[in-house]
Amino acid sequence: MDYRQQLGRGLDQLALSLPDAAIDRLCDYLALLEKWNRAYNLTAVPNQEWVSRHLLDSLVVAPYLQGERFADVGTGAGLPGIPLAIALPQRQFQLLDSNGKKIRFVTQALAALGLGNARAAQSRVEQWQGPGYDGVLSRAFSSLADMAGLCEHLLAPEGCLLALKGVYPADELSALPKRFRVDACHPLRVPGADGQRHLVVIRRAA
């Protein structure tokens, strides 16, 4: 599978310029995922779609990250945390998941890739005590209300929740507790992926 060629085309479409070393690391990450997926069943997505549905779907949020410290909750196989840590080496990422085998893979991947700006921990998000993050990211929470309720304690005073969603989540937005406000809902275009994608940015109400 020629991940590098697919990735290069996708990065061009995103207008996201990365150094060759970062592109190498992203491809090495997919090679690790391919190796471990045979035994650990880390993703059900066919590998010919990994560049679009894993790498580019993670990297598309990079322009929207403000601050220095981020938590990726429900990271699974390290998404979006690992691609973002590779692309944004000056930022710090904490990757959380309650699934032991997935965190074992993520821990090994971070070591193999030499990513000193990312850490992994097996923990339920509501039990994690972080330093106060500028952004809390997730691709996997069941609802925005659940994410807001369970992740609020992780936020720095001016921090925000960044939730990747498919179609515009009108019902979920209306169900948010009143102590939160929707700061933005950015429509995203992920190269090579069908369907809608949105990034919902949520903050505490003033």
N, C-alpha and C. Protein backbone atom coordinates (compact mmCIF):
# COMPACT_ATOMS: atom_id res chain seq x y z
N MET A 1 0.85 -1.20 0.00
CA MET A 1 0.00 0.00 0.00
C MET A 1 0.88 1.25 0.00
N ASP A 2 0.73 2.12 -1.01
CA ASP A 2 1.56 3.32 -1.11
C ASP A 2 0.91 4.46 -0.33
N TYR A 3 1.13 4.43 0.97
CA TYR A 3 0.54 5.45 1.83
C TYR A 3 1.11 6.84 1.51
N ARG A 4 2.40 6.90 1.22
CA ARG A 4 3.05 8.20 1.06
C ARG A 4 2.46 9.00 -0.10
N GLN A 5 2.20 8.34 -1.21
CA GLN A 5 1.64 9.04 -2.37
C GLN A 5 0.24 9.57 -2.06
N GLN A 6 -0.59 8.72 -1.45
CA GLN A 6 -1.94 9.16 -1.06
C GLN A 6 -1.86 10.34 -0.10
N LEU A 7 -0.97 10.23 0.88
CA LEU A 7 -0.85 11.27 1.88
C LEU A 7 -0.39 12.58 1.25
N GLY A 8 0.57 12.52 0.35
CA GLY A 8 1.04 13.73 -0.32
C GLY A 8 -0.08 14.45 -1.06
N ARG A 9 -0.89 13.68 -1.78
CA ARG A 9 -2.02 14.29 -2.50
C ARG A 9 -3.00 14.93 -1.52
N GLY A 10 -3.29 14.22 -0.44
CA GLY A 10 -4.24 14.74 0.54
C GLY A 10 -3.75 15.99 1.23
N LEU A 11 -2.47 16.03 1.59
CA LEU A 11 -1.91 17.22 2.24
C LEU A 11 -1.96 18.41 1.30
N ASP A 12 -1.72 18.18 0.00
CA ASP A 12 -1.84 19.26 -0.97
C ASP A 12 -3.25 19.82 -0.99
N GLN A 13 -4.25 18.93 -0.95
CA GLN A 13 -5.64 19.37 -0.97
C GLN A 13 -6.01 20.13 0.30
N LEU A 14 -5.40 19.76 1.41
CA LEU A 14 -5.64 20.48 2.67
C LEU A 14 -4.82 21.76 2.77
N ALA A 15 -3.90 21.95 1.83
CA ALA A 15 -2.96 23.08 1.88
C ALA A 15 -2.18 23.05 3.19
N LEU A 16 -1.79 21.85 3.59
CA LEU A 16 -1.04 21.64 4.82
C LEU A 16 0.36 21.16 4.45
N SER A 17 1.35 21.97 4.75
CA SER A 17 2.72 21.66 4.39
C SER A 17 3.44 21.04 5.59
N LEU A 18 3.97 19.84 5.41
CA LEU A 18 4.71 19.16 6.47
C LEU A 18 6.10 18.80 5.96
N PRO A 19 7.10 18.81 6.85
CA PRO A 19 8.44 18.40 6.44
C PRO A 19 8.48 16.91 6.11
N ASP A 20 9.47 16.51 5.34
CA ASP A 20 9.59 15.11 4.94
C ASP A 20 9.65 14.18 6.14
N ALA A 21 10.32 14.61 7.21
CA ALA A 21 10.45 13.76 8.39
C ALA A 21 9.07 13.47 9.01
N ALA A 22 8.19 14.45 8.99
CA ALA A 22 6.84 14.25 9.52
C ALA A 22 6.04 13.30 8.63
N ILE A 23 6.18 13.45 7.33
CA ILE A 23 5.49 12.55 6.41
C ILE A 23 6.00 11.12 6.59
N ASP A 24 7.31 10.97 6.79
CA ASP A 24 7.88 9.64 7.06
C ASP A 24 7.25 9.04 8.31
N ARG A 25 7.14 9.85 9.35
CA ARG A 25 6.58 9.36 10.63
C ARG A 25 5.11 8.96 10.47
N LEU A 26 4.36 9.73 9.73
CA LEU A 26 2.95 9.39 9.52
C LEU A 26 2.83 8.05 8.79
N CYS A 27 3.67 7.83 7.81
CA CYS A 27 3.66 6.54 7.09
C CYS A 27 4.14 5.41 8.00
N ASP A 28 5.15 5.69 8.83
CA ASP A 28 5.62 4.68 9.79
C ASP A 28 4.51 4.32 10.78
N TYR A 29 3.72 5.31 11.18
CA TYR A 29 2.59 5.03 12.07
C TYR A 29 1.60 4.06 11.42
N LEU A 30 1.29 4.28 10.15
CA LEU A 30 0.37 3.37 9.47
C LEU A 30 0.97 1.98 9.33
N ALA A 31 2.28 1.90 9.13
CA ALA A 31 2.94 0.59 9.06
C ALA A 31 2.83 -0.15 10.39
N LEU A 32 3.00 0.58 11.49
CA LEU A 32 2.83 -0.02 12.82
C LEU A 32 1.39 -0.48 13.04
N LEU A 33 0.46 0.37 12.62
CA LEU A 33 -0.96 0.03 12.76
C LEU A 33 -1.29 -1.23 11.96
N GLU A 34 -0.73 -1.33 10.77
CA GLU A 34 -0.97 -2.50 9.92
C GLU A 34 -0.44 -3.77 10.60
N LYS A 35 0.73 -3.68 11.19
CA LYS A 35 1.34 -4.83 11.86
C LYS A 35 0.52 -5.26 13.09
N TRP A 36 0.18 -4.31 13.93
CA TRP A 36 -0.53 -4.62 15.18
C TRP A 36 -2.00 -4.96 14.94
N ASN A 37 -2.58 -4.43 13.88
CA ASN A 37 -4.01 -4.63 13.65
C ASN A 37 -4.35 -6.09 13.41
N ARG A 38 -3.41 -6.85 12.88
CA ARG A 38 -3.67 -8.27 12.61
C ARG A 38 -4.00 -9.02 13.91
N ALA A 39 -3.33 -8.66 14.98
CA ALA A 39 -3.53 -9.37 16.25
C ALA A 39 -4.49 -8.66 17.19
N TYR A 40 -4.51 -7.33 17.12
CA TYR A 40 -5.23 -6.55 18.13
C TYR A 40 -6.56 -6.00 17.63
N ASN A 41 -6.84 -6.09 16.33
CA ASN A 41 -8.10 -5.58 15.78
C ASN A 41 -8.35 -4.14 16.22
N LEU A 42 -7.40 -3.27 15.91
CA LEU A 42 -7.46 -1.88 16.37
C LEU A 42 -8.41 -1.02 15.56
N THR A 43 -8.62 -1.36 14.30
CA THR A 43 -9.52 -0.59 13.45
C THR A 43 -10.19 -1.53 12.46
N ALA A 44 -11.46 -1.26 12.19
CA ALA A 44 -12.20 -2.05 11.20
C ALA A 44 -12.17 -1.39 9.82
N VAL A 45 -11.57 -0.21 9.72
CA VAL A 45 -11.49 0.50 8.45
C VAL A 45 -10.51 -0.23 7.53
N PRO A 46 -10.87 -0.53 6.27
CA PRO A 46 -9.93 -1.17 5.35
C PRO A 46 -8.69 -0.32 5.15
N ASN A 47 -7.53 -0.96 5.03
CA ASN A 47 -6.29 -0.17 5.03
C ASN A 47 -6.16 0.74 3.82
N GLN A 48 -6.85 0.46 2.73
CA GLN A 48 -6.78 1.38 1.59
C GLN A 48 -7.46 2.72 1.89
N GLU A 49 -8.22 2.78 3.00
CA GLU A 49 -8.88 4.03 3.40
C GLU A 49 -8.21 4.69 4.59
N TRP A 50 -7.11 4.14 5.07
CA TRP A 50 -6.49 4.66 6.29
C TRP A 50 -5.96 6.07 6.12
N VAL A 51 -5.40 6.39 4.96
CA VAL A 51 -4.86 7.74 4.78
C VAL A 51 -5.97 8.77 4.92
N SER A 52 -7.09 8.56 4.24
CA SER A 52 -8.18 9.54 4.29
C SER A 52 -8.92 9.50 5.62
N ARG A 53 -9.29 8.31 6.08
CA ARG A 53 -10.19 8.21 7.24
C ARG A 53 -9.47 8.22 8.58
N HIS A 54 -8.15 8.05 8.57
CA HIS A 54 -7.40 8.13 9.81
C HIS A 54 -6.45 9.34 9.82
N LEU A 55 -5.54 9.40 8.86
CA LEU A 55 -4.56 10.49 8.89
C LEU A 55 -5.18 11.84 8.53
N LEU A 56 -5.76 11.95 7.35
CA LEU A 56 -6.28 13.24 6.90
C LEU A 56 -7.46 13.69 7.75
N ASP A 57 -8.27 12.75 8.20
CA ASP A 57 -9.41 13.08 9.06
C ASP A 57 -8.94 13.65 10.40
N SER A 58 -7.72 13.28 10.83
CA SER A 58 -7.14 13.84 12.04
C SER A 58 -6.47 15.18 11.75
N LEU A 59 -5.69 15.24 10.69
CA LEU A 59 -4.89 16.44 10.40
C LEU A 59 -5.75 17.63 9.98
N VAL A 60 -6.96 17.37 9.50
CA VAL A 60 -7.81 18.47 9.03
C VAL A 60 -8.16 19.44 10.17
N VAL A 61 -8.04 19.00 11.43
CA VAL A 61 -8.36 19.89 12.55
C VAL A 61 -7.17 20.73 13.00
N ALA A 62 -5.98 20.45 12.48
CA ALA A 62 -4.77 21.14 12.95
C ALA A 62 -4.89 22.67 12.93
N PRO A 63 -5.45 23.27 11.87
CA PRO A 63 -5.52 24.74 11.85
C PRO A 63 -6.41 25.33 12.94
N TYR A 64 -7.24 24.50 13.58
CA TYR A 64 -8.19 25.01 14.56
C TYR A 64 -7.70 24.87 16.00
N LEU A 65 -6.51 24.29 16.19
CA LEU A 65 -6.00 24.08 17.55
C LEU A 65 -5.31 25.35 18.05
N GLN A 66 -5.81 25.86 19.16
CA GLN A 66 -5.24 27.06 19.77
C GLN A 66 -4.77 26.70 21.18
N GLY A 67 -3.52 27.03 21.48
CA GLY A 67 -2.97 26.70 22.78
C GLY A 67 -1.82 25.72 22.66
N GLU A 68 -1.42 25.17 23.80
CA GLU A 68 -0.22 24.32 23.85
C GLU A 68 -0.49 22.90 24.29
N ARG A 69 -1.51 22.69 25.14
CA ARG A 69 -1.72 21.37 25.74
C ARG A 69 -3.09 20.83 25.34
N PHE A 70 -3.10 19.58 24.88
CA PHE A 70 -4.34 18.99 24.38
C PHE A 70 -4.50 17.58 24.90
N ALA A 71 -5.73 17.18 25.12
CA ALA A 71 -6.05 15.80 25.49
C ALA A 71 -6.91 15.20 24.38
N ASP A 72 -6.56 13.98 23.99
CA ASP A 72 -7.34 13.22 23.00
C ASP A 72 -8.03 12.11 23.78
N VAL A 73 -9.34 12.25 23.98
CA VAL A 73 -10.08 11.31 24.82
C VAL A 73 -10.79 10.27 23.95
N GLY A 74 -10.70 9.01 24.38
CA GLY A 74 -11.19 7.92 23.54
C GLY A 74 -10.33 7.79 22.30
N THR A 75 -9.02 7.84 22.49
CA THR A 75 -8.08 7.91 21.37
C THR A 75 -8.06 6.65 20.51
N GLY A 76 -8.48 5.51 21.07
CA GLY A 76 -8.48 4.27 20.28
C GLY A 76 -7.07 3.89 19.88
N ALA A 77 -6.82 3.85 18.57
CA ALA A 77 -5.50 3.52 18.05
C ALA A 77 -4.58 4.73 17.96
N GLY A 78 -4.97 5.83 18.64
CA GLY A 78 -4.14 7.02 18.64
C GLY A 78 -4.61 8.12 17.73
N LEU A 79 -5.92 8.18 17.51
CA LEU A 79 -6.50 9.13 16.56
C LEU A 79 -7.50 10.06 17.25
N PRO A 80 -7.37 11.35 17.06
CA PRO A 80 -6.45 12.05 16.15
C PRO A 80 -5.09 12.41 16.77
N GLY A 81 -4.82 11.96 18.01
CA GLY A 81 -3.67 12.45 18.74
C GLY A 81 -2.32 12.21 18.10
N ILE A 82 -2.07 10.99 17.59
CA ILE A 82 -0.75 10.72 17.04
C ILE A 82 -0.48 11.53 15.77
N PRO A 83 -1.37 11.54 14.78
CA PRO A 83 -1.09 12.39 13.61
C PRO A 83 -0.89 13.86 13.96
N LEU A 84 -1.67 14.37 14.91
CA LEU A 84 -1.53 15.77 15.29
C LEU A 84 -0.22 16.02 16.02
N ALA A 85 0.20 15.08 16.87
CA ALA A 85 1.48 15.22 17.56
C ALA A 85 2.65 15.22 16.58
N ILE A 86 2.52 14.42 15.52
CA ILE A 86 3.56 14.40 14.49
C ILE A 86 3.59 15.73 13.73
N ALA A 87 2.42 16.23 13.38
CA ALA A 87 2.34 17.45 12.57
C ALA A 87 2.64 18.72 13.37
N LEU A 88 2.40 18.68 14.69
CA LEU A 88 2.54 19.86 15.54
C LEU A 88 3.50 19.57 16.69
N PRO A 89 4.80 19.46 16.40
CA PRO A 89 5.75 19.01 17.42
C PRO A 89 5.93 19.97 18.59
N GLN A 90 5.48 21.22 18.47
CA GLN A 90 5.61 22.17 19.57
C GLN A 90 4.44 22.09 20.55
N ARG A 91 3.42 21.32 20.22
CA ARG A 91 2.27 21.15 21.11
C ARG A 91 2.41 19.84 21.90
N GLN A 92 1.71 19.77 23.04
CA GLN A 92 1.76 18.59 23.90
C GLN A 92 0.40 17.87 23.85
N PHE A 93 0.44 16.55 23.75
CA PHE A 93 -0.79 15.76 23.62
C PHE A 93 -0.82 14.63 24.65
N GLN A 94 -1.93 14.53 25.35
CA GLN A 94 -2.19 13.41 26.25
C GLN A 94 -3.26 12.54 25.62
N LEU A 95 -2.95 11.26 25.37
CA LEU A 95 -3.87 10.34 24.71
C LEU A 95 -4.46 9.41 25.75
N LEU A 96 -5.79 9.39 25.84
CA LEU A 96 -6.49 8.61 26.86
C LEU A 96 -7.45 7.61 26.23
N ASP A 97 -7.47 6.40 26.79
CA ASP A 97 -8.46 5.41 26.41
C ASP A 97 -8.55 4.39 27.53
N SER A 98 -9.73 3.84 27.74
CA SER A 98 -9.91 2.83 28.79
C SER A 98 -9.59 1.43 28.31
N ASN A 99 -9.37 1.26 27.00
CA ASN A 99 -9.10 -0.05 26.42
C ASN A 99 -7.61 -0.37 26.51
N GLY A 100 -7.27 -1.39 27.27
CA GLY A 100 -5.88 -1.70 27.53
C GLY A 100 -5.07 -2.06 26.31
N LYS A 101 -5.64 -2.88 25.41
CA LYS A 101 -4.84 -3.30 24.25
C LYS A 101 -4.59 -2.13 23.31
N LYS A 102 -5.54 -1.21 23.22
CA LYS A 102 -5.33 -0.05 22.36
C LYS A 102 -4.27 0.87 22.93
N ILE A 103 -4.28 1.07 24.25
CA ILE A 103 -3.27 1.92 24.86
C ILE A 103 -1.89 1.25 24.80
N ARG A 104 -1.83 -0.06 24.84
CA ARG A 104 -0.54 -0.74 24.66
C ARG A 104 0.02 -0.44 23.28
N PHE A 105 -0.84 -0.49 22.27
CA PHE A 105 -0.37 -0.14 20.93
C PHE A 105 0.07 1.31 20.86
N VAL A 106 -0.74 2.22 21.41
CA VAL A 106 -0.41 3.64 21.34
C VAL A 106 0.92 3.92 22.05
N THR A 107 1.12 3.31 23.21
CA THR A 107 2.36 3.50 23.96
C THR A 107 3.56 3.02 23.14
N GLN A 108 3.42 1.86 22.51
CA GLN A 108 4.49 1.32 21.67
C GLN A 108 4.73 2.21 20.46
N ALA A 109 3.65 2.70 19.85
CA ALA A 109 3.79 3.55 18.67
C ALA A 109 4.51 4.86 19.01
N LEU A 110 4.16 5.47 20.14
CA LEU A 110 4.82 6.71 20.53
C LEU A 110 6.32 6.49 20.72
N ALA A 111 6.68 5.35 21.33
CA ALA A 111 8.09 5.05 21.54
C ALA A 111 8.79 4.79 20.21
N ALA A 112 8.17 4.00 19.34
CA ALA A 112 8.78 3.65 18.06
C ALA A 112 8.95 4.88 17.16
N LEU A 113 8.00 5.81 17.25
CA LEU A 113 8.05 7.00 16.41
C LEU A 113 8.89 8.11 17.03
N GLY A 114 9.31 7.92 18.29
CA GLY A 114 10.11 8.94 18.96
C GLY A 114 9.36 10.22 19.22
N LEU A 115 8.07 10.09 19.58
CA LEU A 115 7.24 11.28 19.80
C LEU A 115 7.33 11.70 21.27
N GLY A 116 8.20 12.66 21.53
CA GLY A 116 8.37 13.12 22.90
C GLY A 116 7.31 14.09 23.37
N ASN A 117 6.46 14.55 22.46
CA ASN A 117 5.42 15.53 22.81
C ASN A 117 4.05 14.88 23.00
N ALA A 118 4.01 13.56 23.16
CA ALA A 118 2.74 12.86 23.37
C ALA A 118 2.94 11.76 24.40
N ARG A 119 1.92 11.56 25.22
CA ARG A 119 1.93 10.51 26.23
C ARG A 119 0.61 9.75 26.15
N ALA A 120 0.64 8.50 26.57
CA ALA A 120 -0.57 7.67 26.55
C ALA A 120 -0.86 7.19 27.97
N ALA A 121 -2.14 7.03 28.28
CA ALA A 121 -2.54 6.51 29.58
C ALA A 121 -3.86 5.75 29.43
N GLN A 122 -3.93 4.61 30.13
CA GLN A 122 -5.19 3.86 30.18
C GLN A 122 -6.02 4.43 31.32
N SER A 123 -7.12 5.06 30.98
CA SER A 123 -7.96 5.69 31.99
C SER A 123 -9.32 6.03 31.39
N ARG A 124 -10.34 5.94 32.23
CA ARG A 124 -11.62 6.52 31.86
C ARG A 124 -11.48 8.03 31.98
N VAL A 125 -12.09 8.75 31.06
CA VAL A 125 -11.87 10.20 31.01
C VAL A 125 -12.32 10.88 32.30
N GLU A 126 -13.41 10.38 32.91
CA GLU A 126 -13.92 11.05 34.10
C GLU A 126 -13.00 10.85 35.30
N GLN A 127 -12.09 9.87 35.22
CA GLN A 127 -11.16 9.61 36.32
C GLN A 127 -9.80 10.27 36.12
N TRP A 128 -9.56 10.84 34.96
CA TRP A 128 -8.25 11.41 34.67
C TRP A 128 -8.15 12.81 35.26
N GLN A 129 -7.04 13.06 35.93
CA GLN A 129 -6.79 14.38 36.49
C GLN A 129 -5.64 15.02 35.73
N GLY A 130 -5.97 15.89 34.83
CA GLY A 130 -4.95 16.53 34.00
C GLY A 130 -4.58 17.90 34.54
N PRO A 131 -3.65 18.57 33.85
CA PRO A 131 -3.17 19.88 34.30
C PRO A 131 -4.08 21.03 33.88
N GLY A 132 -5.13 20.76 33.13
CA GLY A 132 -5.96 21.80 32.53
C GLY A 132 -5.52 22.00 31.09
N TYR A 133 -6.33 21.48 30.16
CA TYR A 133 -5.94 21.46 28.75
C TYR A 133 -6.58 22.61 27.98
N ASP A 134 -5.81 23.12 27.02
CA ASP A 134 -6.35 24.18 26.16
C ASP A 134 -7.42 23.64 25.22
N GLY A 135 -7.32 22.36 24.88
CA GLY A 135 -8.32 21.73 24.03
C GLY A 135 -8.46 20.26 24.37
N VAL A 136 -9.69 19.78 24.38
CA VAL A 136 -9.98 18.35 24.58
C VAL A 136 -10.64 17.86 23.30
N LEU A 137 -9.97 16.91 22.63
CA LEU A 137 -10.40 16.43 21.31
C LEU A 137 -11.02 15.06 21.42
N SER A 138 -11.97 14.78 20.53
CA SER A 138 -12.48 13.42 20.42
C SER A 138 -13.14 13.20 19.06
N ARG A 139 -12.94 11.98 18.55
CA ARG A 139 -13.69 11.54 17.37
C ARG A 139 -14.74 10.51 17.77
N ALA A 140 -14.80 10.13 19.04
CA ALA A 140 -15.51 8.90 19.40
C ALA A 140 -16.61 9.04 20.43
N PHE A 141 -16.83 10.23 21.01
CA PHE A 141 -17.86 10.32 22.04
C PHE A 141 -19.26 10.14 21.42
N SER A 142 -20.13 9.51 22.19
CA SER A 142 -21.46 9.20 21.66
C SER A 142 -22.30 10.44 21.46
N SER A 143 -22.17 11.43 22.34
CA SER A 143 -22.95 12.65 22.18
C SER A 143 -22.16 13.83 22.73
N LEU A 144 -22.49 15.02 22.23
CA LEU A 144 -21.82 16.23 22.70
C LEU A 144 -22.13 16.49 24.17
N ALA A 145 -23.35 16.20 24.60
CA ALA A 145 -23.71 16.40 26.01
C ALA A 145 -22.87 15.49 26.91
N ASP A 146 -22.68 14.23 26.50
CA ASP A 146 -21.84 13.32 27.28
C ASP A 146 -20.40 13.83 27.33
N MET A 147 -19.89 14.24 26.18
CA MET A 147 -18.51 14.74 26.14
C MET A 147 -18.35 15.95 27.04
N ALA A 148 -19.29 16.88 26.96
CA ALA A 148 -19.19 18.09 27.78
C ALA A 148 -19.23 17.74 29.27
N GLY A 149 -20.16 16.88 29.65
CA GLY A 149 -20.29 16.54 31.06
C GLY A 149 -19.09 15.79 31.61
N LEU A 150 -18.54 14.87 30.82
CA LEU A 150 -17.46 14.02 31.32
C LEU A 150 -16.08 14.67 31.20
N CYS A 151 -15.94 15.64 30.31
CA CYS A 151 -14.61 16.22 30.04
C CYS A 151 -14.44 17.63 30.60
N GLU A 152 -15.48 18.21 31.17
CA GLU A 152 -15.40 19.60 31.61
C GLU A 152 -14.24 19.80 32.60
N HIS A 153 -14.01 18.83 33.47
CA HIS A 153 -12.97 19.01 34.50
C HIS A 153 -11.56 19.01 33.91
N LEU A 154 -11.42 18.60 32.65
CA LEU A 154 -10.10 18.58 32.02
C LEU A 154 -9.70 19.93 31.44
N LEU A 155 -10.66 20.83 31.31
CA LEU A 155 -10.41 22.08 30.58
C LEU A 155 -9.70 23.12 31.44
N ALA A 156 -8.73 23.80 30.84
CA ALA A 156 -8.19 25.02 31.42
C ALA A 156 -9.31 26.08 31.43
N PRO A 157 -9.14 27.15 32.21
CA PRO A 157 -10.22 28.16 32.29
C PRO A 157 -10.73 28.65 30.94
N GLU A 158 -9.84 28.83 29.97
CA GLU A 158 -10.25 29.30 28.64
C GLU A 158 -10.24 28.17 27.61
N GLY A 159 -10.18 26.92 28.08
CA GLY A 159 -10.09 25.77 27.18
C GLY A 159 -11.40 25.48 26.46
N CYS A 160 -11.32 24.65 25.44
CA CYS A 160 -12.51 24.31 24.66
C CYS A 160 -12.53 22.82 24.35
N LEU A 161 -13.72 22.32 24.09
CA LEU A 161 -13.93 20.97 23.59
C LEU A 161 -13.96 21.02 22.07
N LEU A 162 -13.29 20.05 21.43
CA LEU A 162 -13.25 19.99 19.97
C LEU A 162 -13.73 18.60 19.56
N ALA A 163 -14.95 18.53 19.07
CA ALA A 163 -15.58 17.25 18.75
C ALA A 163 -15.71 17.09 17.25
N LEU A 164 -15.15 16.00 16.72
CA LEU A 164 -15.31 15.67 15.31
C LEU A 164 -16.61 14.89 15.13
N LYS A 165 -17.46 15.40 14.26
CA LYS A 165 -18.76 14.79 14.00
C LYS A 165 -18.96 14.62 12.49
N GLY A 166 -19.94 13.82 12.13
CA GLY A 166 -20.29 13.63 10.73
C GLY A 166 -21.21 14.73 10.26
N VAL A 167 -22.49 14.41 10.07
CA VAL A 167 -23.45 15.42 9.64
C VAL A 167 -23.63 16.45 10.75
N TYR A 168 -24.11 17.62 10.38
CA TYR A 168 -24.32 18.69 11.36
C TYR A 168 -25.20 18.18 12.50
N PRO A 169 -24.69 18.19 13.75
CA PRO A 169 -25.39 17.51 14.85
C PRO A 169 -26.41 18.41 15.55
N ALA A 170 -27.45 18.79 14.84
CA ALA A 170 -28.41 19.77 15.37
C ALA A 170 -29.04 19.29 16.68
N ASP A 171 -29.49 18.03 16.74
CA ASP A 171 -30.13 17.53 17.95
C ASP A 171 -29.16 17.52 19.13
N GLU A 172 -27.92 17.10 18.87
CA GLU A 172 -26.93 17.06 19.96
C GLU A 172 -26.61 18.47 20.46
N LEU A 173 -26.54 19.41 19.56
CA LEU A 173 -26.25 20.79 19.96
C LEU A 173 -27.37 21.35 20.84
N SER A 174 -28.59 21.03 20.49
CA SER A 174 -29.72 21.54 21.28
C SER A 174 -29.80 20.89 22.65
N ALA A 175 -29.16 19.72 22.82
CA ALA A 175 -29.21 19.00 24.09
C ALA A 175 -28.06 19.35 25.02
N LEU A 176 -27.18 20.25 24.60
CA LEU A 176 -26.06 20.64 25.45
C LEU A 176 -26.55 21.33 26.73
N PRO A 177 -25.94 21.05 27.87
CA PRO A 177 -26.30 21.77 29.09
C PRO A 177 -26.09 23.28 28.92
N LYS A 178 -26.89 24.06 29.63
CA LYS A 178 -26.88 25.52 29.45
C LYS A 178 -25.56 26.16 29.85
N ARG A 179 -24.76 25.44 30.64
CA ARG A 179 -23.48 26.04 31.07
C ARG A 179 -22.43 26.02 29.96
N PHE A 180 -22.78 25.46 28.80
CA PHE A 180 -21.88 25.44 27.66
C PHE A 180 -22.47 26.25 26.51
N ARG A 181 -21.57 26.75 25.66
CA ARG A 181 -22.01 27.43 24.44
C ARG A 181 -21.21 26.88 23.26
N VAL A 182 -21.84 26.90 22.11
CA VAL A 182 -21.16 26.48 20.89
C VAL A 182 -20.40 27.67 20.33
N ASP A 183 -19.08 27.56 20.30
CA ASP A 183 -18.24 28.64 19.82
C ASP A 183 -18.22 28.68 18.30
N ALA A 184 -18.22 27.49 17.68
CA ALA A 184 -18.18 27.40 16.21
C ALA A 184 -18.53 25.98 15.80
N CYS A 185 -18.97 25.84 14.56
CA CYS A 185 -19.16 24.52 13.97
C CYS A 185 -18.62 24.60 12.55
N HIS A 186 -17.40 24.09 12.38
CA HIS A 186 -16.69 24.23 11.11
C HIS A 186 -16.99 23.03 10.19
N PRO A 187 -17.54 23.26 9.01
CA PRO A 187 -17.63 22.17 8.03
C PRO A 187 -16.23 21.85 7.52
N LEU A 188 -15.91 20.57 7.45
CA LEU A 188 -14.58 20.13 7.03
C LEU A 188 -14.67 19.34 5.73
N ARG A 189 -13.64 19.46 4.93
CA ARG A 189 -13.54 18.65 3.71
C ARG A 189 -12.31 17.76 3.85
N VAL A 190 -12.56 16.46 4.00
CA VAL A 190 -11.47 15.51 4.18
C VAL A 190 -11.19 14.85 2.83
N PRO A 191 -10.00 15.06 2.26
CA PRO A 191 -9.69 14.48 0.95
C PRO A 191 -9.85 12.96 0.94
N GLY A 192 -10.57 12.46 -0.05
CA GLY A 192 -10.73 11.02 -0.21
C GLY A 192 -11.83 10.40 0.61
N ALA A 193 -12.52 11.20 1.42
CA ALA A 193 -13.58 10.66 2.28
C ALA A 193 -14.93 11.18 1.82
N ASP A 194 -15.91 10.29 1.79
CA ASP A 194 -17.27 10.69 1.43
C ASP A 194 -18.01 11.17 2.68
N GLY A 195 -19.12 11.83 2.46
CA GLY A 195 -19.98 12.23 3.57
C GLY A 195 -19.52 13.53 4.21
N GLN A 196 -20.37 14.03 5.10
CA GLN A 196 -20.10 15.30 5.77
C GLN A 196 -19.18 15.09 6.97
N ARG A 197 -18.48 16.16 7.32
CA ARG A 197 -17.63 16.16 8.51
C ARG A 197 -17.67 17.56 9.10
N HIS A 198 -17.82 17.65 10.41
CA HIS A 198 -17.87 18.93 11.10
C HIS A 198 -16.99 18.89 12.34
N LEU A 199 -16.39 20.02 12.67
CA LEU A 199 -15.68 20.17 13.93
C LEU A 199 -16.48 21.14 14.79
N VAL A 200 -16.98 20.63 15.91
CA VAL A 200 -17.77 21.45 16.82
C VAL A 200 -16.87 21.94 17.95
N VAL A 201 -16.84 23.25 18.16
CA VAL A 201 -16.01 23.86 19.21
C VAL A 201 -16.96 24.35 20.30
N ILE A 202 -16.75 23.86 21.52
CA ILE A 202 -17.66 24.15 22.63
C ILE A 202 -16.84 24.75 23.78
N ARG A 203 -17.38 25.80 24.36
CA ARG A 203 -16.74 26.43 25.53
C ARG A 203 -17.75 26.58 26.67
N ARG A 204 -17.23 26.82 27.85
CA ARG A 204 -18.12 27.16 28.96
C ARG A 204 -18.78 28.50 28.67
N ALA A 205 -20.04 28.60 29.01
CA ALA A 205 -20.75 29.88 28.84
C ALA A 205 -20.19 30.89 29.84
N ALA A 206 -20.17 32.13 29.44
CA ALA A 206 -19.64 33.18 30.32
C ALA A 206 -20.56 33.38 31.52
